Protein backbone atom coordinates (compact mmCIF):
# COMPACT_ATOMS: atom_id res chain seq x y z
CA MET A 1 86.98 124.15 103.31
CA ARG A 2 88.58 123.39 99.93
CA LYS A 3 87.98 126.98 98.73
CA ILE A 4 89.65 128.36 101.86
CA LEU A 5 92.59 126.00 101.44
CA ILE A 6 93.10 126.87 97.77
CA THR A 7 92.95 130.59 98.59
CA ALA A 8 95.53 130.12 101.33
CA ILE A 9 97.88 128.24 99.00
CA ILE A 10 97.60 130.88 96.27
CA ALA A 11 98.24 133.67 98.77
CA MET A 12 101.22 131.87 100.25
CA LEU A 13 102.79 131.14 96.86
CA PHE A 14 102.25 134.71 95.69
CA VAL A 15 104.14 136.28 98.57
CA MET A 16 106.80 133.61 98.93
CA PRO A 17 110.00 134.71 97.13
CA SER A 18 112.53 132.29 95.71
CA GLN A 19 115.24 131.79 98.33
CA ALA A 20 118.76 130.48 98.60
CA TYR A 21 118.46 127.02 100.11
CA THR A 22 121.11 125.36 102.26
CA ARG A 23 121.73 121.84 103.49
CA GLU A 24 120.04 122.79 106.77
CA ASP A 25 116.80 123.46 104.85
CA PHE A 26 116.91 119.99 103.33
CA GLU A 27 117.70 118.40 106.67
CA THR A 28 114.54 120.05 108.00
CA ILE A 29 112.47 118.57 105.16
CA TYR A 30 113.78 115.08 105.96
CA GLN A 31 114.08 115.42 109.74
CA ASN A 32 111.37 112.79 110.35
CA GLU A 33 112.88 110.16 108.05
CA PRO A 34 114.21 107.31 110.27
CA ASP A 35 116.11 105.55 107.46
CA GLN A 36 119.44 107.41 107.36
CA ASN A 37 120.22 106.02 103.90
CA ILE A 38 117.03 107.48 102.43
CA LYS A 39 117.49 110.73 104.38
CA GLU A 40 121.01 111.24 103.04
CA MET A 41 119.93 110.44 99.48
CA GLY A 42 117.13 112.97 99.73
CA ILE A 43 119.38 115.72 101.04
CA ARG A 44 122.12 115.02 98.51
CA GLN A 45 119.68 114.84 95.62
CA LEU A 46 118.17 118.21 96.48
CA GLU A 47 121.62 119.76 96.86
CA LEU A 48 122.59 118.53 93.41
CA GLU A 49 119.21 119.49 91.96
CA LEU A 50 119.73 123.10 93.02
CA GLY A 51 123.44 123.18 92.18
CA ILE A 52 124.48 123.91 95.76
CA ASN A 53 128.24 123.78 96.42
CA THR A 54 129.05 122.57 92.91
CA GLY A 55 129.85 125.39 90.47
CA THR A 56 129.46 122.80 87.71
CA ASP A 57 126.54 120.69 86.67
CA LYS A 58 128.02 117.52 88.08
CA ARG A 59 125.12 115.15 88.38
CA THR A 60 126.45 112.27 90.48
CA VAL A 61 124.39 112.27 93.65
CA GLY A 62 126.49 109.81 95.60
CA HIS A 63 127.38 106.26 96.50
CA PHE A 64 124.96 104.69 98.95
CA THR A 65 124.51 101.63 101.08
CA ARG A 66 121.57 99.46 100.09
CA SER A 67 118.62 99.04 102.43
CA ASN A 68 115.25 97.31 102.22
CA PHE A 69 113.45 100.57 101.48
CA ASP A 70 116.01 102.37 99.34
CA PHE A 71 113.51 103.33 96.62
CA CYS A 72 114.46 106.96 96.07
CA THR A 73 111.07 108.60 96.45
CA MET A 74 112.72 111.93 97.00
CA THR A 75 114.26 111.87 93.52
CA SER A 76 110.74 112.22 92.15
CA LEU A 77 110.13 115.47 94.02
CA VAL A 78 111.68 118.18 91.87
CA ASN A 79 113.81 116.75 89.07
CA THR A 80 112.60 116.87 85.49
CA LYS A 81 115.08 114.31 84.20
CA LYS A 82 115.02 110.58 84.95
CA GLN A 83 117.39 109.53 87.70
CA THR A 84 119.60 106.51 87.10
CA VAL A 85 121.32 103.94 89.25
CA SER A 86 124.68 102.42 88.34
CA GLY A 87 127.34 100.23 89.91
CA ARG A 88 124.83 98.01 91.68
CA THR A 89 126.14 95.34 94.01
CA GLU A 90 124.42 93.35 96.72
CA THR A 91 125.38 95.98 99.28
CA ASP A 92 125.56 99.36 97.55
CA PHE A 93 124.93 101.46 94.44
CA THR A 94 125.62 104.86 92.87
CA MET A 95 122.82 107.28 91.94
CA TYR A 96 123.07 110.13 89.45
CA LEU A 97 120.83 112.42 87.41
CA SER A 98 120.90 112.24 83.63
CA LYS A 99 121.57 115.88 82.83
CA ASP A 100 124.50 117.02 80.67
CA ASN A 101 127.65 118.10 82.47
CA VAL A 102 127.22 121.78 81.59
CA TYR A 103 126.37 124.37 84.23
CA ASP A 104 122.93 125.86 83.58
CA TYR A 105 122.03 128.85 85.77
CA ALA A 106 118.47 129.08 84.43
CA TYR A 107 117.91 125.40 85.21
CA TYR A 108 118.90 125.88 88.86
CA LYS A 109 116.78 129.00 89.30
CA GLU A 110 113.78 127.07 87.99
CA ARG A 111 114.51 124.22 90.42
CA GLU A 112 114.65 126.75 93.25
CA LYS A 113 111.15 127.93 92.34
CA ASP A 114 110.09 124.29 92.30
CA LEU A 115 111.31 123.83 95.83
CA ASP A 116 109.54 127.03 96.91
CA LEU A 117 106.33 125.47 95.63
CA LEU A 118 106.96 122.19 97.42
CA VAL A 119 107.84 123.88 100.72
CA ALA A 120 104.69 126.00 100.47
CA HIS A 121 102.50 122.92 100.07
CA ILE A 122 104.25 121.21 102.98
CA GLY A 123 103.54 124.24 105.14
CA ILE A 124 99.90 124.38 104.17
CA VAL A 125 99.30 120.68 104.85
CA LYS A 126 101.16 120.78 108.17
CA THR A 127 98.96 123.68 109.25
CA MET A 128 95.74 122.02 108.11
CA THR A 129 96.53 118.71 109.84
CA GLN A 130 97.58 120.07 113.23
CA GLY A 131 95.79 118.22 116.01
CA MET A 132 94.64 115.39 113.74
CA SER A 133 95.20 111.72 114.51
CA ASP A 134 97.46 109.71 112.21
CA ILE A 135 94.41 108.18 110.49
CA GLU A 136 92.96 111.63 109.90
CA LYS A 137 96.28 112.98 108.59
CA ALA A 138 96.75 110.04 106.25
CA THR A 139 93.23 110.50 104.88
CA PHE A 140 93.58 114.27 104.50
CA ILE A 141 96.83 113.95 102.53
CA HIS A 142 95.30 111.30 100.27
CA ASP A 143 92.41 113.62 99.42
CA PHE A 144 94.66 116.69 99.15
CA ILE A 145 96.75 115.03 96.44
CA ALA A 146 93.80 113.44 94.64
CA ASP A 147 92.09 116.85 94.42
CA ARG A 148 95.15 118.40 92.72
CA PHE A 149 96.67 115.68 90.54
CA GLN A 150 95.52 113.86 87.44
CA TYR A 151 97.32 110.89 85.96
CA ASP A 152 99.56 111.81 83.04
CA THR A 153 98.48 109.40 80.31
CA GLU A 154 101.23 110.65 78.00
CA GLY A 155 103.85 109.12 80.31
CA SER A 156 106.13 112.16 80.27
CA ILE A 157 105.59 113.74 83.70
CA ASN A 158 106.66 111.72 86.74
CA SER A 159 107.58 114.06 89.58
CA ALA A 160 105.61 115.40 92.52
CA ILE A 161 106.54 118.99 91.81
CA GLN A 162 105.29 118.67 88.23
CA GLY A 163 102.03 117.46 89.71
CA PHE A 164 101.78 120.59 91.83
CA LYS A 165 102.84 122.81 88.90
CA THR A 166 100.78 121.33 86.10
CA GLY A 167 98.19 119.13 87.78
CA TYR A 168 99.56 116.05 85.99
CA THR A 169 101.99 113.32 87.04
CA GLU A 170 102.49 109.55 87.10
CA CYS A 171 102.44 107.10 90.01
CA THR A 172 105.96 108.04 91.14
CA GLY A 173 104.82 111.64 91.48
CA TYR A 174 101.74 110.67 93.49
CA THR A 175 103.89 108.44 95.67
CA ALA A 176 106.58 111.05 96.20
CA ALA A 177 104.03 113.73 97.08
CA TYR A 178 102.33 111.48 99.63
CA TYR A 179 105.68 110.49 101.12
CA ILE A 180 107.06 114.00 101.58
CA LEU A 181 103.79 115.49 102.86
CA GLY A 182 103.18 112.57 105.21
CA LEU A 183 106.75 112.60 106.46
CA ASN A 184 106.52 116.28 107.35
CA CYS A 185 103.18 115.77 109.10
CA GLY A 186 104.66 113.16 111.42
CA LEU A 187 103.45 110.00 109.70
CA LYS A 188 105.56 106.87 109.52
CA VAL A 189 105.40 106.54 105.74
CA ARG A 190 107.48 105.04 102.98
CA ALA A 191 107.27 104.27 99.28
CA GLN A 192 106.94 100.81 97.79
CA SER A 193 107.43 99.72 94.21
CA GLY A 194 105.96 96.63 92.63
CA THR A 195 104.96 94.81 89.45
CA THR A 196 101.39 94.73 88.16
CA GLN A 197 99.68 91.60 86.81
CA ASN A 198 100.48 92.66 83.24
CA GLY A 199 104.15 93.16 84.05
CA GLY A 200 104.11 96.95 84.45
CA LEU A 201 105.78 98.92 87.24
CA HIS A 202 103.79 100.71 89.93
CA THR A 203 104.47 102.60 93.15
CA PHE A 204 102.30 103.20 96.20
CA ASN A 205 102.75 104.17 99.84
CA ILE A 206 102.78 102.24 103.08
CA VAL A 207 101.78 104.03 106.29
CA THR A 208 102.43 102.33 109.62
CA ILE A 209 99.78 103.18 112.22
CA ASP A 210 99.55 101.44 115.60
CA GLY A 211 102.09 98.89 114.37
CA GLN A 212 100.06 97.91 111.28
CA ASP A 213 101.27 98.45 107.71
CA LEU A 214 98.47 100.07 105.69
CA ALA A 215 98.61 100.60 101.93
CA VAL A 216 97.69 103.92 100.33
CA ASP A 217 97.45 104.06 96.53
CA VAL A 218 96.41 107.59 95.62
CA THR A 219 97.15 106.99 91.93
CA ASN A 220 94.54 104.27 91.46
CA ASP A 221 92.03 105.90 93.80
CA ASP A 222 92.29 109.14 91.84
CA ALA A 223 91.92 107.34 88.50
CA ASN A 224 88.82 105.51 89.72
CA ASN A 225 87.42 108.42 91.75
CA ASN A 226 87.08 106.33 94.90
CA LYS A 227 88.97 105.40 98.07
CA GLU A 228 89.28 101.65 97.55
CA TYR A 229 93.01 101.68 98.27
CA MET A 230 93.15 104.10 101.18
CA LEU A 231 94.58 102.73 104.43
CA ILE A 232 93.83 99.06 103.87
CA PRO A 233 95.99 96.25 105.31
CA LEU A 234 99.01 95.67 103.07
CA GLN A 235 98.24 92.01 102.42
CA GLU A 236 94.67 92.88 101.48
CA TYR A 237 95.95 95.51 99.05
CA ILE A 238 98.29 92.99 97.43
CA ALA A 239 95.44 90.49 97.08
CA ILE A 240 92.89 92.80 95.48
CA SER A 241 95.25 94.96 93.41
CA GLY A 242 97.37 92.16 92.00
CA ILE A 243 100.53 94.17 92.74
CA SER A 244 103.60 92.09 93.60
CA PRO A 245 105.83 94.27 95.82
CA HIS A 246 109.55 94.36 95.05
CA LYS A 247 111.81 93.17 97.83
CA ASP A 248 114.55 95.23 96.18
CA SER A 249 113.04 98.63 95.52
CA LEU A 250 115.76 99.50 93.00
CA SER A 251 113.98 97.12 90.60
CA CYS A 252 111.83 100.01 89.38
CA MET A 253 114.72 102.31 88.49
CA GLY A 254 115.97 100.60 85.34
């Protein structure tokens, strides 16, 4: 099965040309996201990432209303620079990308290829999970990512697309990949950030199935080559992992 899947991905990527993306394409990617705040951030971030409707490399993504789950998973999809939050208040914040204000055509063409790669993987996983139950989809996506990613111990690669391109990423990349693949396969999924017992930052996913919040931590499962943190009750995950979830997800963005 894995050999067939890999062959299909390679074939799809080989024939898939880089294309001019529009806002409608991004709306399709986020069409299943129920949180309008997160959906708008995702669309706006991708527009800025590809330089659509700008003409200059103006990196401010936008001013957004705060919500309980406003961790910007989507900003870890394709960008190669760390995103930053400014102007925080109790009710809103501004998000921007930390790239110089100089238009860079080559940069945008490379980001377009990145999105081609992401869209191709979304298409493959949607095809492979057709007819599956939510439990089966959630498990398949967990294994799909674990088979392709390794944790970047150098701490320099943190996006999902870099995981698909290089095979290496950090927890935000694992989390973003699971979120965007799960979202497009019809899962009710979100990202969650938290603090480890030694004070470090960590992200994982929460999938809601039959009204129950289940934790999925592909990062740690991949590192330990097991499935200890796949679809376990959230409170159980917190107890055995020692992760303290952030109530304000912006806590992990510096």
